[in-house]
């Protein structure tokens, strides 16, 4: 029987990609949106390493999920910062009117 080796980097990339996507929707509300970006970037690095060592579907899936998660976290983080800035500006304008 043929023994299959598991690719640890592919599994780690897949897990980090999933965590990055979940972080883009949940952790931003707690104020830790940058954590999803870190998960995604580390997942991308591990996915590229996994594809170089042992190309497999899991390595590709981990790489794709990490890229999607990084982009989603980046967009969500920028949108939250923009909203906070807009609310701060509106609050400053309202207080200067009175």
N, C-alpha and C. Protein backbone atom coordinates (compact mmCIF):
# COMPACT_ATOMS: atom_id res chain seq x y z
N UNK A 1 0.82 -1.18 0.00
CA UNK A 1 0.00 0.00 0.00
C UNK A 1 0.86 1.24 0.00
N UNK A 2 0.38 2.23 -0.68
CA UNK A 2 1.12 3.49 -0.76
C UNK A 2 0.76 4.39 0.41
N UNK A 3 1.79 4.87 1.08
CA UNK A 3 1.57 5.75 2.24
C UNK A 3 1.57 7.19 1.78
N UNK A 4 0.51 7.92 2.13
CA UNK A 4 0.41 9.33 1.75
C UNK A 4 0.99 10.20 2.85
N UNK A 5 1.82 11.15 2.45
CA UNK A 5 2.36 12.11 3.40
C UNK A 5 1.43 13.32 3.46
N UNK A 6 1.19 13.80 4.64
CA UNK A 6 0.41 15.02 4.75
C UNK A 6 1.35 16.20 4.68
N UNK A 7 0.91 17.23 4.04
CA UNK A 7 1.71 18.44 3.88
C UNK A 7 1.30 19.42 4.98
N UNK A 8 2.13 19.55 5.99
CA UNK A 8 1.81 20.40 7.13
C UNK A 8 1.63 21.86 6.76
N UNK A 9 2.44 22.33 5.81
CA UNK A 9 2.32 23.72 5.38
C UNK A 9 0.98 23.96 4.68
N UNK A 10 0.51 22.98 3.92
CA UNK A 10 -0.78 23.12 3.24
C UNK A 10 -1.92 23.17 4.25
N UNK A 11 -1.86 22.31 5.24
CA UNK A 11 -2.90 22.29 6.28
C UNK A 11 -2.88 23.61 7.06
N UNK A 12 -1.68 24.07 7.42
CA UNK A 12 -1.58 25.33 8.16
C UNK A 12 -2.09 26.50 7.33
N UNK A 13 -1.76 26.51 6.04
CA UNK A 13 -2.24 27.58 5.16
C UNK A 13 -3.76 27.56 5.05
N UNK A 14 -4.33 26.37 4.95
CA UNK A 14 -5.78 26.23 4.86
C UNK A 14 -6.46 26.73 6.15
N UNK A 15 -5.93 26.35 7.29
CA UNK A 15 -6.49 26.78 8.57
C UNK A 15 -6.36 28.29 8.74
N UNK A 16 -5.19 28.84 8.41
CA UNK A 16 -4.99 30.28 8.54
C UNK A 16 -5.87 31.06 7.55
N UNK A 17 -6.09 30.52 6.37
CA UNK A 17 -6.99 31.16 5.42
C UNK A 17 -8.42 31.21 5.94
N UNK A 18 -8.86 30.10 6.52
CA UNK A 18 -10.21 30.06 7.09
C UNK A 18 -10.32 31.04 8.27
N UNK A 19 -9.30 31.06 9.13
CA UNK A 19 -9.31 32.00 10.25
C UNK A 19 -9.30 33.45 9.78
N UNK A 20 -8.58 33.71 8.71
CA UNK A 20 -8.53 35.07 8.17
C UNK A 20 -9.90 35.51 7.65
N UNK A 21 -10.58 34.62 6.96
CA UNK A 21 -11.92 34.95 6.45
C UNK A 21 -12.89 35.16 7.61
N UNK A 22 -12.84 34.29 8.59
CA UNK A 22 -13.72 34.45 9.75
C UNK A 22 -13.39 35.72 10.52
N UNK A 23 -12.12 36.06 10.59
CA UNK A 23 -11.70 37.26 11.30
C UNK A 23 -12.22 38.52 10.63
N UNK A 24 -12.36 38.49 9.33
CA UNK A 24 -12.82 39.69 8.63
C UNK A 24 -14.26 40.04 9.01
N UNK A 25 -15.01 39.08 9.50
CA UNK A 25 -16.39 39.34 9.87
C UNK A 25 -16.59 39.49 11.37
N UNK A 26 -15.72 38.91 12.18
CA UNK A 26 -15.98 38.89 13.61
C UNK A 26 -15.02 39.74 14.43
N UNK A 27 -13.75 39.62 14.20
CA UNK A 27 -12.77 40.25 15.07
C UNK A 27 -12.72 41.76 14.88
N UNK A 28 -13.17 42.26 13.74
CA UNK A 28 -13.14 43.70 13.49
C UNK A 28 -13.98 44.43 14.52
N UNK A 29 -15.07 43.81 14.95
CA UNK A 29 -15.95 44.46 15.92
C UNK A 29 -15.31 44.56 17.29
N UNK A 30 -14.33 43.72 17.56
CA UNK A 30 -13.64 43.76 18.84
C UNK A 30 -12.46 44.72 18.78
N UNK A 31 -12.04 45.10 17.60
CA UNK A 31 -10.91 46.01 17.44
C UNK A 31 -9.62 45.30 17.10
N UNK A 32 -9.70 44.04 16.74
CA UNK A 32 -8.51 43.28 16.39
C UNK A 32 -8.51 42.88 14.92
N UNK A 33 -8.91 43.78 14.05
CA UNK A 33 -8.97 43.49 12.62
C UNK A 33 -7.62 43.19 12.02
N UNK A 34 -6.58 43.74 12.59
CA UNK A 34 -5.24 43.49 12.08
C UNK A 34 -4.83 42.04 12.27
N UNK A 35 -5.46 41.32 13.20
CA UNK A 35 -5.13 39.93 13.44
C UNK A 35 -5.48 39.06 12.22
N UNK A 36 -6.60 39.36 11.58
CA UNK A 36 -6.97 38.65 10.36
C UNK A 36 -5.99 38.89 9.23
N UNK A 37 -5.46 40.12 9.16
CA UNK A 37 -4.44 40.41 8.15
C UNK A 37 -3.19 39.58 8.39
N UNK A 38 -2.79 39.44 9.65
CA UNK A 38 -1.61 38.64 9.97
C UNK A 38 -1.86 37.17 9.63
N UNK A 39 -3.04 36.65 9.99
CA UNK A 39 -3.39 35.27 9.64
C UNK A 39 -3.29 35.07 8.13
N UNK A 40 -3.83 36.00 7.37
CA UNK A 40 -3.84 35.87 5.92
C UNK A 40 -2.45 35.93 5.31
N UNK A 41 -1.64 36.85 5.78
CA UNK A 41 -0.29 36.98 5.22
C UNK A 41 0.56 35.75 5.53
N UNK A 42 0.48 35.27 6.77
CA UNK A 42 1.22 34.06 7.13
C UNK A 42 0.68 32.87 6.34
N UNK A 43 -0.64 32.82 6.13
CA UNK A 43 -1.24 31.75 5.33
C UNK A 43 -0.78 31.78 3.88
N UNK A 44 -0.62 32.98 3.33
CA UNK A 44 -0.12 33.10 1.96
C UNK A 44 1.31 32.57 1.86
N UNK A 45 2.15 32.96 2.81
CA UNK A 45 3.54 32.50 2.81
C UNK A 45 3.60 30.98 2.92
N UNK A 46 2.82 30.42 3.83
CA UNK A 46 2.82 28.96 4.01
C UNK A 46 2.23 28.25 2.79
N UNK A 47 1.23 28.85 2.16
CA UNK A 47 0.64 28.26 0.97
C UNK A 47 1.63 28.22 -0.19
N UNK A 48 2.40 29.28 -0.35
CA UNK A 48 3.42 29.30 -1.41
C UNK A 48 4.49 28.25 -1.12
N UNK A 49 4.91 28.15 0.14
CA UNK A 49 5.91 27.14 0.50
C UNK A 49 5.38 25.73 0.27
N UNK A 50 4.10 25.50 0.58
CA UNK A 50 3.50 24.19 0.39
C UNK A 50 3.41 23.84 -1.09
N UNK A 51 3.07 24.83 -1.93
CA UNK A 51 2.98 24.56 -3.36
C UNK A 51 4.34 24.28 -3.97
N UNK A 52 5.40 24.88 -3.44
CA UNK A 52 6.75 24.61 -3.95
C UNK A 52 7.23 23.22 -3.54
N UNK A 53 6.94 22.83 -2.31
CA UNK A 53 7.42 21.53 -1.81
C UNK A 53 6.63 20.36 -2.37
N UNK A 54 5.32 20.46 -2.29
CA UNK A 54 4.46 19.35 -2.71
C UNK A 54 3.16 19.92 -3.24
N UNK A 55 3.10 20.21 -4.54
CA UNK A 55 1.87 20.79 -5.09
C UNK A 55 0.67 19.86 -4.89
N UNK A 56 -0.36 20.40 -4.29
CA UNK A 56 -1.58 19.61 -4.07
C UNK A 56 -2.77 20.55 -4.06
N UNK A 57 -3.94 19.94 -4.08
CA UNK A 57 -5.16 20.72 -4.04
C UNK A 57 -5.33 21.45 -2.73
N UNK A 58 -4.87 20.85 -1.64
CA UNK A 58 -5.00 21.49 -0.34
C UNK A 58 -4.10 22.72 -0.25
N UNK A 59 -2.93 22.64 -0.85
CA UNK A 59 -2.03 23.80 -0.86
C UNK A 59 -2.65 24.94 -1.66
N UNK A 60 -3.25 24.61 -2.79
CA UNK A 60 -3.91 25.63 -3.61
C UNK A 60 -5.09 26.24 -2.87
N UNK A 61 -5.88 25.40 -2.23
CA UNK A 61 -7.04 25.90 -1.48
C UNK A 61 -6.60 26.80 -0.34
N UNK A 62 -5.55 26.42 0.37
CA UNK A 62 -5.04 27.25 1.45
C UNK A 62 -4.54 28.59 0.95
N UNK A 63 -3.84 28.58 -0.18
CA UNK A 63 -3.34 29.81 -0.76
C UNK A 63 -4.48 30.73 -1.19
N UNK A 64 -5.46 30.16 -1.86
CA UNK A 64 -6.60 30.97 -2.33
C UNK A 64 -7.40 31.53 -1.15
N UNK A 65 -7.68 30.71 -0.15
CA UNK A 65 -8.42 31.19 1.02
C UNK A 65 -7.65 32.26 1.77
N UNK A 66 -6.34 32.10 1.85
CA UNK A 66 -5.53 33.12 2.54
C UNK A 66 -5.55 34.44 1.79
N UNK A 67 -5.49 34.38 0.47
CA UNK A 67 -5.54 35.61 -0.33
C UNK A 67 -6.89 36.29 -0.17
N UNK A 68 -7.96 35.51 -0.27
CA UNK A 68 -9.30 36.07 -0.11
C UNK A 68 -9.48 36.66 1.28
N UNK A 69 -9.02 35.94 2.30
CA UNK A 69 -9.14 36.43 3.67
C UNK A 69 -8.35 37.71 3.90
N UNK A 70 -7.16 37.80 3.32
CA UNK A 70 -6.34 39.01 3.47
C UNK A 70 -7.02 40.20 2.81
N UNK A 71 -7.55 39.99 1.62
CA UNK A 71 -8.24 41.08 0.92
C UNK A 71 -9.49 41.52 1.69
N UNK A 72 -10.27 40.55 2.16
CA UNK A 72 -11.48 40.88 2.92
C UNK A 72 -11.14 41.63 4.21
N UNK A 73 -10.13 41.16 4.92
CA UNK A 73 -9.73 41.84 6.17
C UNK A 73 -9.22 43.24 5.89
N UNK A 74 -8.46 43.40 4.82
CA UNK A 74 -7.95 44.72 4.46
C UNK A 74 -9.07 45.68 4.13
N UNK A 75 -10.02 45.23 3.32
CA UNK A 75 -11.14 46.09 2.93
C UNK A 75 -12.00 46.43 4.15
N UNK A 76 -12.29 45.43 4.98
CA UNK A 76 -13.11 45.66 6.16
C UNK A 76 -12.42 46.59 7.15
N UNK A 77 -11.13 46.41 7.33
CA UNK A 77 -10.37 47.25 8.25
C UNK A 77 -10.35 48.70 7.76
N UNK A 78 -10.12 48.91 6.47
CA UNK A 78 -10.10 50.26 5.90
C UNK A 78 -11.49 50.90 6.00
N UNK A 79 -12.54 50.11 5.73
CA UNK A 79 -13.90 50.64 5.83
C UNK A 79 -14.23 51.05 7.27
N UNK A 80 -13.80 50.25 8.24
CA UNK A 80 -14.07 50.60 9.64
C UNK A 80 -13.32 51.86 10.05
N UNK A 81 -12.08 51.99 9.61
CA UNK A 81 -11.32 53.20 9.92
C UNK A 81 -11.97 54.42 9.28
N UNK A 82 -12.45 54.27 8.03
CA UNK A 82 -13.11 55.38 7.35
C UNK A 82 -14.41 55.76 8.06
N UNK A 83 -15.17 54.79 8.53
CA UNK A 83 -16.41 55.08 9.24
C UNK A 83 -16.14 55.79 10.56
N UNK A 84 -15.13 55.33 11.27
CA UNK A 84 -14.79 55.98 12.54
C UNK A 84 -14.33 57.41 12.29
N UNK A 85 -13.56 57.62 11.23
CA UNK A 85 -13.13 58.97 10.88
C UNK A 85 -14.29 59.86 10.49
N UNK A 86 -15.25 59.30 9.75
CA UNK A 86 -16.41 60.09 9.35
C UNK A 86 -17.26 60.47 10.55
N UNK A 87 -17.43 59.54 11.48
CA UNK A 87 -18.21 59.84 12.68
C UNK A 87 -17.49 60.88 13.52
N UNK A 88 -16.17 60.78 13.62
CA UNK A 88 -15.40 61.77 14.38
C UNK A 88 -15.49 63.14 13.76
N UNK A 89 -15.43 63.19 12.43
CA UNK A 89 -15.53 64.47 11.74
C UNK A 89 -16.92 65.07 11.90
N UNK A 90 -17.93 64.23 11.78
CA UNK A 90 -19.30 64.71 11.94
C UNK A 90 -19.54 65.20 13.36
N UNK A 91 -18.97 64.52 14.32
CA UNK A 91 -19.10 64.97 15.70
C UNK A 91 -18.42 66.29 15.93
N UNK A 92 -17.27 66.49 15.30
CA UNK A 92 -16.55 67.75 15.41
C UNK A 92 -17.30 68.89 14.74
N UNK A 93 -17.92 68.61 13.60
CA UNK A 93 -18.70 69.63 12.91
C UNK A 93 -19.94 70.00 13.70
N UNK A 94 -20.58 68.99 14.29
CA UNK A 94 -21.80 69.26 15.06
C UNK A 94 -21.49 70.10 16.29
N UNK A 95 -20.37 69.82 16.93
CA UNK A 95 -20.06 70.59 18.13
C UNK A 95 -19.63 72.03 17.80
N UNK A 96 -19.09 72.25 16.61
CA UNK A 96 -18.68 73.61 16.25
C UNK A 96 -19.88 74.46 15.82
N UNK A 97 -21.00 73.82 15.50
CA UNK A 97 -22.20 74.58 15.11
C UNK A 97 -22.91 75.17 16.30
N UNK A 98 -22.72 74.59 17.47
CA UNK A 98 -23.45 75.06 18.64
C UNK A 98 -22.61 75.97 19.46
